[in-house]
Structures are given as structure tokens and as C-alpha cells.
Protein backbone atom coordinates (compact mmCIF):
# COMPACT_ATOMS: atom_id res chain seq x y z
CA MET A 1 70.79 -9.97 14.72
CA ASP A 2 69.34 -12.60 15.95
CA GLU A 3 71.92 -15.60 17.04
CA VAL A 4 70.21 -17.89 14.54
CA GLU A 5 70.29 -15.64 11.37
CA ILE A 6 73.66 -15.22 11.90
CA THR A 7 74.21 -18.89 10.90
CA LEU A 8 72.26 -18.25 7.72
CA SER A 9 75.22 -15.18 7.11
CA LEU A 10 78.07 -17.92 8.13
CA TYR A 11 76.90 -19.87 5.59
CA LEU A 12 76.57 -17.25 2.61
CA LEU A 13 80.49 -16.18 3.90
CA GLY A 14 81.35 -19.86 3.66
CA PHE A 15 79.73 -20.90 0.39
CA SER A 16 80.92 -18.06 -1.19
CA PHE A 17 85.02 -19.20 1.20
CA GLY A 18 84.37 -22.84 -0.39
CA GLN A 19 83.18 -21.12 -4.28
CA LEU A 20 86.52 -18.31 -4.54
CA ILE A 21 89.17 -21.05 -3.48
CA GLY A 22 87.84 -24.35 -5.06
CA GLY A 23 86.89 -23.55 -8.69
CA PRO A 24 90.66 -21.91 -9.10
CA LEU A 25 91.68 -25.85 -7.49
CA SER A 26 89.78 -27.49 -9.81
CA ASP A 27 90.98 -26.18 -12.80
CA ARG A 28 94.09 -26.84 -11.89
CA TYR A 29 93.53 -30.90 -10.00
CA GLY A 30 90.81 -31.78 -11.63
CA ARG A 31 86.63 -31.53 -10.86
CA LYS A 32 85.62 -34.88 -9.18
CA ILE A 33 88.32 -34.87 -7.12
CA PHE A 34 86.99 -31.01 -5.54
CA ILE A 35 83.43 -32.21 -5.92
CA PHE A 36 84.49 -35.39 -3.96
CA THR A 37 86.25 -33.48 -1.06
CA GLY A 38 84.12 -31.08 -1.25
CA LEU A 39 80.65 -33.14 -0.83
CA CYS A 40 82.28 -35.33 2.32
CA ILE A 41 82.76 -32.52 4.41
CA TYR A 42 79.10 -31.82 4.12
CA ILE A 43 78.30 -34.83 5.33
CA THR A 44 80.54 -34.54 7.93
CA PHE A 45 79.71 -31.06 9.58
CA SER A 46 76.00 -31.90 8.60
CA LEU A 47 76.08 -34.99 10.75
CA LEU A 48 78.19 -32.30 13.69
CA ILE A 49 75.33 -29.69 13.45
CA SER A 50 72.81 -32.54 14.56
CA GLN A 51 74.91 -32.95 17.43
CA ALA A 52 75.57 -29.01 18.31
CA SER A 53 75.55 -28.30 21.65
CA SER A 54 76.00 -24.95 21.33
CA ILE A 55 75.24 -21.81 19.14
CA HIS A 56 78.64 -21.24 18.83
CA GLU A 57 79.59 -25.30 17.75
CA LEU A 58 76.29 -24.49 15.45
CA TRP A 59 78.29 -21.25 14.01
CA ALA A 60 81.21 -22.84 13.30
CA PHE A 61 80.01 -26.65 11.52
CA ARG A 62 77.66 -24.29 9.83
CA PHE A 63 80.75 -22.12 7.80
CA PHE A 64 82.39 -25.35 7.45
CA GLN A 65 79.38 -27.23 5.95
CA ALA A 66 79.13 -24.56 3.48
CA ILE A 67 82.63 -24.75 2.78
CA GLY A 68 82.28 -28.15 1.35
CA GLY A 69 78.46 -27.38 -0.49
CA GLY A 70 81.19 -24.55 -2.02
CA PHE A 71 83.39 -27.01 -3.08
CA ALA A 72 81.16 -29.01 -5.12
CA VAL A 73 78.65 -26.65 -6.34
CA VAL A 74 80.90 -24.18 -8.57
CA ASN A 75 81.62 -27.39 -10.22
CA THR A 76 78.72 -28.11 -11.56
CA ASN A 77 79.02 -25.24 -14.40
CA ALA A 78 82.35 -26.06 -14.98
CA ILE A 79 81.29 -29.38 -15.78
CA ILE A 80 78.73 -28.18 -18.04
CA ARG A 81 81.38 -25.99 -19.95
CA ASP A 82 83.57 -28.38 -20.50
CA ILE A 83 81.68 -30.50 -22.48
CA TYR A 84 79.28 -28.33 -23.94
CA HIS A 85 79.89 -24.83 -25.61
CA GLY A 86 77.47 -22.30 -27.34
CA LYS A 87 73.48 -22.67 -27.30
CA GLU A 88 74.01 -26.08 -26.58
CA SER A 89 75.69 -25.43 -22.91
CA ALA A 90 72.60 -22.87 -22.57
CA ARG A 91 69.91 -25.63 -23.48
CA VAL A 92 72.01 -27.93 -20.59
CA PHE A 93 71.77 -24.86 -18.42
CA SER A 94 67.71 -24.69 -18.56
CA ILE A 95 67.87 -28.32 -16.76
CA ILE A 96 69.97 -27.42 -14.22
CA SER A 97 68.55 -24.01 -13.65
CA MET A 98 65.85 -25.79 -13.06
CA ILE A 99 66.77 -27.93 -10.42
CA MET A 100 69.12 -25.05 -8.81
CA MET A 101 66.09 -22.69 -9.08
CA VAL A 102 63.75 -25.03 -7.74
CA ALA A 103 65.74 -26.59 -5.14
CA PRO A 104 65.49 -23.17 -2.37
CA MET A 105 61.75 -23.14 -3.14
CA VAL A 106 61.18 -26.57 -2.57
CA ALA A 107 63.45 -26.61 1.23
CA PRO A 108 60.99 -24.27 2.60
CA ILE A 109 58.28 -27.14 1.86
CA ILE A 110 60.65 -29.98 3.17
CA GLY A 111 62.56 -28.56 5.81
CA THR A 112 58.60 -27.42 7.17
CA THR A 113 57.79 -30.78 6.67
CA ILE A 114 60.39 -32.65 8.92
CA LEU A 115 59.73 -30.14 11.58
CA SER A 116 56.13 -31.11 11.35
CA PHE A 117 57.15 -34.36 12.87
CA TYR A 118 61.01 -34.40 14.07
CA SER A 119 62.75 -31.68 15.59
CA TRP A 120 65.28 -28.97 13.88
CA LYS A 121 68.17 -31.42 13.96
CA TYR A 122 66.66 -33.71 11.77
CA ILE A 123 67.06 -31.90 9.01
CA PHE A 124 70.75 -32.03 9.03
CA ILE A 125 70.15 -35.91 9.26
CA PHE A 126 68.87 -35.51 6.15
CA LEU A 127 70.77 -33.95 4.72
CA ALA A 128 73.81 -35.63 5.71
CA ILE A 129 71.60 -38.70 4.16
CA TYR A 130 70.77 -37.00 0.62
CA THR A 131 74.26 -36.23 -0.23
CA PHE A 132 75.69 -39.15 0.26
CA CYS A 133 73.53 -40.40 -1.81
CA ILE A 134 74.64 -38.00 -4.54
CA ILE A 135 77.74 -39.63 -3.78
CA TYR A 136 77.01 -42.36 -5.90
CA PHE A 137 75.99 -40.52 -8.91
CA ILE A 138 79.85 -38.45 -8.49
CA THR A 139 81.76 -42.13 -9.25
CA LYS A 140 79.73 -41.91 -12.68
CA LEU A 141 81.47 -38.96 -13.23
CA PRO A 142 83.86 -38.88 -16.34
CA GLU A 143 86.86 -35.94 -15.20
CA THR A 144 86.39 -33.31 -17.63
CA SER A 145 89.08 -30.54 -16.06
CA PRO A 146 90.78 -28.44 -19.29
CA LYS A 147 94.20 -30.75 -19.89
CA THR A 148 96.09 -27.31 -20.21
CA LYS A 149 96.42 -26.24 -16.56
CA ASN A 150 96.38 -22.83 -15.44
CA LYS A 151 98.74 -22.76 -12.07
CA ASN A 152 98.50 -18.63 -11.56
CA ILE A 153 94.78 -18.09 -9.27
CA PHE A 154 95.58 -13.79 -9.12
CA LYS A 155 96.25 -14.26 -13.04
CA ASN A 156 93.02 -16.36 -14.29
CA TYR A 157 90.91 -13.86 -11.74
CA GLY A 158 92.96 -10.80 -12.98
CA ARG A 159 91.64 -12.17 -16.91
CA ILE A 160 88.34 -12.33 -15.74
CA PHE A 161 87.53 -8.84 -14.86
CA LEU A 162 89.50 -7.35 -17.66
CA ASN A 163 86.79 -8.91 -20.11
CA LYS A 164 84.14 -6.17 -19.49
CA LYS A 165 81.82 -8.51 -20.90
CA ALA A 166 81.15 -11.06 -19.14
CA ILE A 167 81.61 -8.74 -15.39
CA LEU A 168 78.47 -7.22 -16.81
CA LEU A 169 76.48 -10.12 -17.55
CA ILE A 170 77.50 -11.92 -14.16
CA PHE A 171 76.06 -8.74 -12.39
CA ALA A 172 73.08 -8.95 -14.59
CA GLY A 173 72.48 -12.27 -13.62
CA GLY A 174 73.50 -11.32 -9.80
CA PHE A 175 70.34 -8.25 -9.82
CA GLY A 176 68.48 -11.25 -11.82
CA PHE A 177 68.32 -13.71 -9.04
CA SER A 178 68.57 -11.33 -6.04
CA GLY A 179 65.57 -10.41 -7.17
CA MET A 180 63.63 -13.63 -6.52
CA PHE A 181 66.14 -14.07 -3.17
CA VAL A 182 64.09 -10.79 -1.95
CA PHE A 183 60.89 -12.70 -3.08
CA ILE A 184 61.82 -16.32 -0.40
CA THR A 185 62.96 -14.12 2.27
CA LYS A 186 59.15 -12.05 2.77
CA SER A 187 56.85 -15.13 0.95
CA SER A 188 55.85 -16.02 3.76
CA PHE A 189 54.87 -12.47 4.92
CA ILE A 190 53.23 -11.67 1.81
CA TYR A 191 51.20 -14.82 2.03
CA MET A 192 50.59 -15.53 5.23
CA ASP A 193 50.83 -12.38 7.54
CA TYR A 194 49.77 -9.81 4.68
CA PHE A 195 47.07 -11.70 3.05
CA GLY A 196 46.52 -14.28 5.58
CA VAL A 197 46.74 -17.11 3.72
CA ASP A 198 46.46 -21.03 5.46
CA ALA A 199 50.02 -22.94 5.42
CA LYS A 200 48.54 -25.60 3.44
CA TYR A 201 47.47 -22.76 0.53
CA PHE A 202 50.90 -21.05 1.21
CA THR A 203 52.45 -24.48 -0.01
CA LEU A 204 50.61 -24.66 -3.54
CA LEU A 205 51.01 -20.83 -4.38
CA PHE A 206 54.61 -21.84 -3.47
CA GLY A 207 54.13 -24.87 -5.25
CA LEU A 208 52.70 -22.76 -8.09
CA ASN A 209 56.30 -20.78 -9.01
CA VAL A 210 57.61 -23.67 -8.99
CA PHE A 211 55.89 -24.57 -11.73
CA THR A 212 56.65 -21.60 -13.80
CA LEU A 213 60.04 -21.69 -13.43
CA ILE A 214 59.94 -25.53 -14.75
CA ILE A 215 57.63 -24.18 -17.50
CA PHE A 216 59.85 -21.25 -18.75
CA SER A 217 62.81 -23.37 -18.32
CA ARG A 218 61.75 -25.57 -20.88
CA LEU A 219 60.45 -22.74 -23.21
CA ASN A 220 64.07 -21.37 -23.06
CA MET A 221 65.26 -24.36 -24.41
CA HIS A 222 63.02 -24.80 -27.26
CA TYR A 223 63.13 -20.95 -28.35
CA LEU A 224 67.16 -21.07 -27.73
CA LYS A 225 66.61 -23.23 -31.34
CA LYS A 226 65.71 -19.97 -32.90
CA TYR A 227 66.73 -17.18 -30.77
CA ALA A 228 70.38 -15.61 -30.05
CA THR A 229 71.22 -16.66 -26.18
CA PHE A 230 71.87 -13.24 -25.03
CA THR A 231 68.01 -12.37 -27.13
CA LEU A 232 66.81 -14.61 -24.69
CA LEU A 233 68.20 -13.53 -22.16
CA ARG A 234 67.04 -10.41 -22.55
CA PHE A 235 63.72 -11.23 -23.33
CA GLY A 236 63.74 -13.30 -19.34
CA VAL A 237 64.45 -9.82 -17.71
CA SER A 238 62.12 -7.82 -19.65
CA LEU A 239 59.73 -10.05 -18.27
CA GLN A 240 61.19 -10.27 -15.07
CA LEU A 241 61.08 -6.34 -15.33
CA LEU A 242 57.36 -6.11 -16.12
CA SER A 243 56.03 -8.49 -13.80
CA ALA A 244 57.34 -6.56 -10.81
CA ILE A 245 56.29 -3.32 -12.42
CA GLY A 246 52.49 -5.11 -12.68
CA LEU A 247 53.56 -6.17 -8.25
CA TYR A 248 53.81 -2.26 -7.39
CA ALA A 249 51.75 -0.67 -10.21
CA PHE A 250 48.72 -2.70 -8.27
CA ASN A 251 50.17 -2.13 -4.64
CA GLU A 252 46.93 0.01 -3.10
CA HIS A 253 44.48 -2.78 -4.90
CA ASN A 254 46.23 -6.35 -4.75
CA THR A 255 44.61 -9.05 -4.73
CA ILE A 256 46.26 -12.11 -4.00
CA ILE A 257 45.32 -13.43 -7.29
CA SER A 258 46.94 -11.05 -8.50
CA VAL A 259 50.05 -10.94 -6.31
CA ALA A 260 50.16 -14.38 -6.95
CA PHE A 261 50.26 -13.96 -10.87
CA PHE A 262 53.04 -11.97 -11.23
CA ILE A 263 55.35 -13.67 -9.03
CA MET A 264 54.46 -16.90 -10.68
CA ILE A 265 55.95 -14.84 -13.47
CA TYR A 266 58.42 -12.84 -11.59
CA VAL A 267 59.97 -16.37 -10.34
CA GLY A 268 59.48 -17.93 -13.83
CA ALA A 269 61.57 -15.31 -15.62
CA LEU A 270 64.20 -16.75 -14.24
CA GLY A 271 63.92 -19.67 -16.67
CA PHE A 272 65.19 -17.55 -19.66
CA ILE A 273 67.94 -15.86 -17.22
CA PHE A 274 69.86 -18.27 -15.36
CA ALA A 275 70.70 -20.62 -18.57
CA ASN A 276 71.53 -17.85 -20.73
CA ALA A 277 73.20 -15.49 -17.99
CA ILE A 278 75.88 -17.79 -17.33
CA ALA A 279 76.19 -20.03 -21.13
CA LEU A 280 77.10 -16.17 -21.98
CA VAL A 281 79.87 -15.69 -18.69
CA LEU A 282 81.59 -18.67 -19.34
CA GLU A 283 81.98 -19.06 -23.22
CA ASP A 284 85.48 -17.53 -22.93
CA PHE A 285 86.67 -19.31 -20.44
CA GLY A 286 86.31 -22.80 -21.29
CA ASP A 287 90.02 -23.22 -19.59
CA ILE A 288 88.81 -21.59 -16.20
CA SER A 289 85.56 -22.15 -16.12
CA ALA A 290 85.16 -23.52 -12.34
CA THR A 291 87.17 -20.00 -11.26
CA THR A 292 84.61 -18.03 -13.55
CA ASN A 293 81.65 -19.76 -12.26
CA SER A 294 83.08 -19.39 -8.47
CA LEU A 295 83.43 -15.51 -9.00
CA TYR A 296 80.01 -15.62 -10.31
CA GLY A 297 78.34 -17.29 -7.66
CA VAL A 298 80.40 -15.38 -5.56
CA ILE A 299 79.46 -12.02 -6.84
CA GLY A 300 75.69 -13.21 -7.10
CA PHE A 301 75.26 -14.50 -3.57
CA ILE A 302 76.38 -10.52 -2.43
CA ILE A 303 74.01 -9.17 -4.07
CA ALA A 304 71.27 -11.10 -3.57
CA SER A 305 72.41 -10.71 0.87
CA PHE A 306 72.67 -7.26 0.40
CA VAL A 307 69.69 -6.71 -0.90
CA GLY A 308 68.17 -9.49 1.47
CA PHE A 309 69.23 -7.13 3.99
CA LEU A 310 67.44 -4.04 2.60
CA ALA A 311 64.34 -5.97 2.48
CA SER A 312 64.70 -6.64 6.10
CA TYR A 313 65.68 -3.18 6.79
CA PHE A 314 62.85 -1.41 5.58
CA HIS A 315 60.76 -3.76 6.45
CA ASP A 316 57.74 -1.60 7.49
CA ASP A 317 54.72 -4.04 7.43
CA THR A 318 53.52 -3.37 4.45
CA LEU A 319 53.98 -4.72 0.47
CA SER A 320 55.87 -1.51 -0.44
CA PRO A 321 59.28 -1.61 -0.30
CA ILE A 322 59.61 -5.77 -1.24
CA PHE A 323 57.87 -4.99 -4.51
CA ILE A 324 60.51 -1.34 -4.91
CA LEU A 325 63.23 -3.73 -4.00
CA MET A 326 62.05 -6.46 -6.66
CA VAL A 327 61.21 -3.34 -9.21
CA SER A 328 64.64 -1.89 -8.81
CA THR A 329 66.91 -5.10 -9.44
CA SER A 330 65.71 -6.12 -12.18
CA THR A 331 65.65 -2.31 -13.34
CA LEU A 332 69.23 -3.05 -12.94
CA SER A 333 69.72 -6.01 -14.80
CA PHE A 334 67.83 -4.37 -17.77
CA LEU A 335 69.86 -1.41 -17.90
CA ILE A 336 72.90 -3.74 -17.90
CA LEU A 337 72.15 -5.72 -20.55
CA LEU A 338 70.80 -2.28 -22.17
CA TYR A 339 74.63 -0.76 -22.18
CA ILE A 340 75.97 -4.42 -23.65
CA LYS A 341 73.49 -3.78 -26.52
CA LYS A 342 74.16 0.06 -27.14
CA PHE A 343 77.87 -0.07 -26.95
CA LYS A 344 78.28 -3.91 -28.67
CA VAL A 345 80.25 -4.36 -25.14
């Protein structure tokens, strides 16, 4: 494995570790203190990364930077669950999902822009400055953690694992997210290498996915007034599956237009998937929402990382392995939801 690629694996490991530890501590001691602590850790190690003089320093700093990120991020959904319930929480999660899902798609554009003027180190200086600005808004947040504190971390995790519906929903959401991870990983190959799209048009095509995701998230917010949260989740997964099947079915005759269209629908469907999945998962765990959210995030990242590895392992300079993986992840998510519905889990 390339030495730089190892930093991504270390980041995912540190981010997962930060969530698993930060979630239960947040449920016990409060939200704001761990968001603030996490952001300070993130800023410190972002600046250290910009000054790293060896690959080994980069590995270490990236790992601890990710722990800080995990500490902060795990509290986002927990705060929403502390304040909102049911369909109202799903509507708020739709707003959050527009940010959380759009961020990994916009990030490459920002990174590319910085690299066209400065060295890679300035990306981490930018991250430090951006995170420092976020701290101001954290000071305005109320403390929302539950009054009743749950001290036994292992008992709390056990309680989540024993809830069959919650675990199935976590995996359904994880497989839905992992399909987008495959696209993000292989987007430059699909558009620039396979279809020969110029870099400036690649940015435009990427932006269309962001636009679709925002539109679908808004539609989810609207239809939550009429339909059940689970119904809209199932609709989102079905839409994602159909678009993935479209990509694979027309594989031999795909054009840049058809691929861009189906991928827009595929990514946009996450506007129905993410918000509704996390709202349903957290509904039964109001007193340990950060712990539950940490498990949701970690399992999702594990699935996405494994699927991303498969995308690289089976890469053969064609689009078939990519589309097969996108169909497979959406199919697994669809079958899980079908099982929940049929057997009324």
C-alpha cells in the first residue's frame, strides 16, 4: 500500500476510535465539553500536520487529528435527538444530511483549488482556521445532554446490539452510504480517465450531484409531513437501487450523459436515506443518543471502507466492478428493509 494511502486508513481508524470513546463520555458528562475538546484537538494536529517533516509524523498527527474529529462529530446527531423526536427529528436530520453528505463531495473541489495555488500543507492550515471559526458557534449552543446519566458504557452498547431493529437499520444506512463512498473513490476514474472529461467539467459534474442531494433532502423534509419515516427511507433505498441497476444495465452503451444522470439519482437518494435512517435508529435511545450515534458512524465507516477496498481490489480499468458494487450495496440495504417490514422487526 502507498505510504500516503495509509494516512486515510489511519484517519478512519482514529475517527472511529474518537466516536466510540467520545459518544459514551458525552452521554455521561455533556455534549459541549467534548465538542470543544474534539475541535481543539483537531486544530492542534491540523497545524502539526502542516509542519510534519516525515511520513511517520504525518501518520501520527493524522490519527490524533481524526480522534478530535470523532469526538466532535459524534455529538451532532445526539444534540438533535436530545431536542427533537419522531418526524421532527427526521426533518432536522435532513438539513444536517445536506451538510454532512455534501461535505465529502465539496471537499475535493476545495482541496484542488488550494493545491492549484499552494502546497498540500495549506489544506491543513485551512482546516485549522475553518475549525477555529466553528468554535465560536459552539459557544452559542445550549447543553442538551440527558439529565439521567448512564455510567455503564458496555451495558449501553449491549442494549443497542440487543435491539434487532436498530442494528438492522444501522447496517441498512451503512450500505446505503457505502455506495456513495465507492463513487467518491472512483469518480475521477469514471469521468476523467474513462470518459476523458476535462478537470473543469469534472468539477461541474461533481457539483450536479451536490445539487441533486440538496433537492432530494428538501423533498424528504416536505414528504415527511405526509408519509412515515420508514416509508421514505425505503423509497430512498429503492430509488438508489434502481439507479444503480440502470448504470449496470446500460454498461455496454453508457455515455457520459447517462452515467452522470444515474449517478445524480444514486447520490441524491441519500437525501431520503441518511436522515430517515439515523432518526429511526436514535428514536429508542434518547438517553444514550451519542453512544448510539457513535455505533452508527463506526459501522457505517467500516462498511464503506471495506467496500472502498473492494472497489480498488477489483478495479480493471472498466466501469463494471464499480457499478456491480453500487448495485450490491443498494441491494443489501433494500433486502434489510424488506426483512424489517415483512417480519415487523
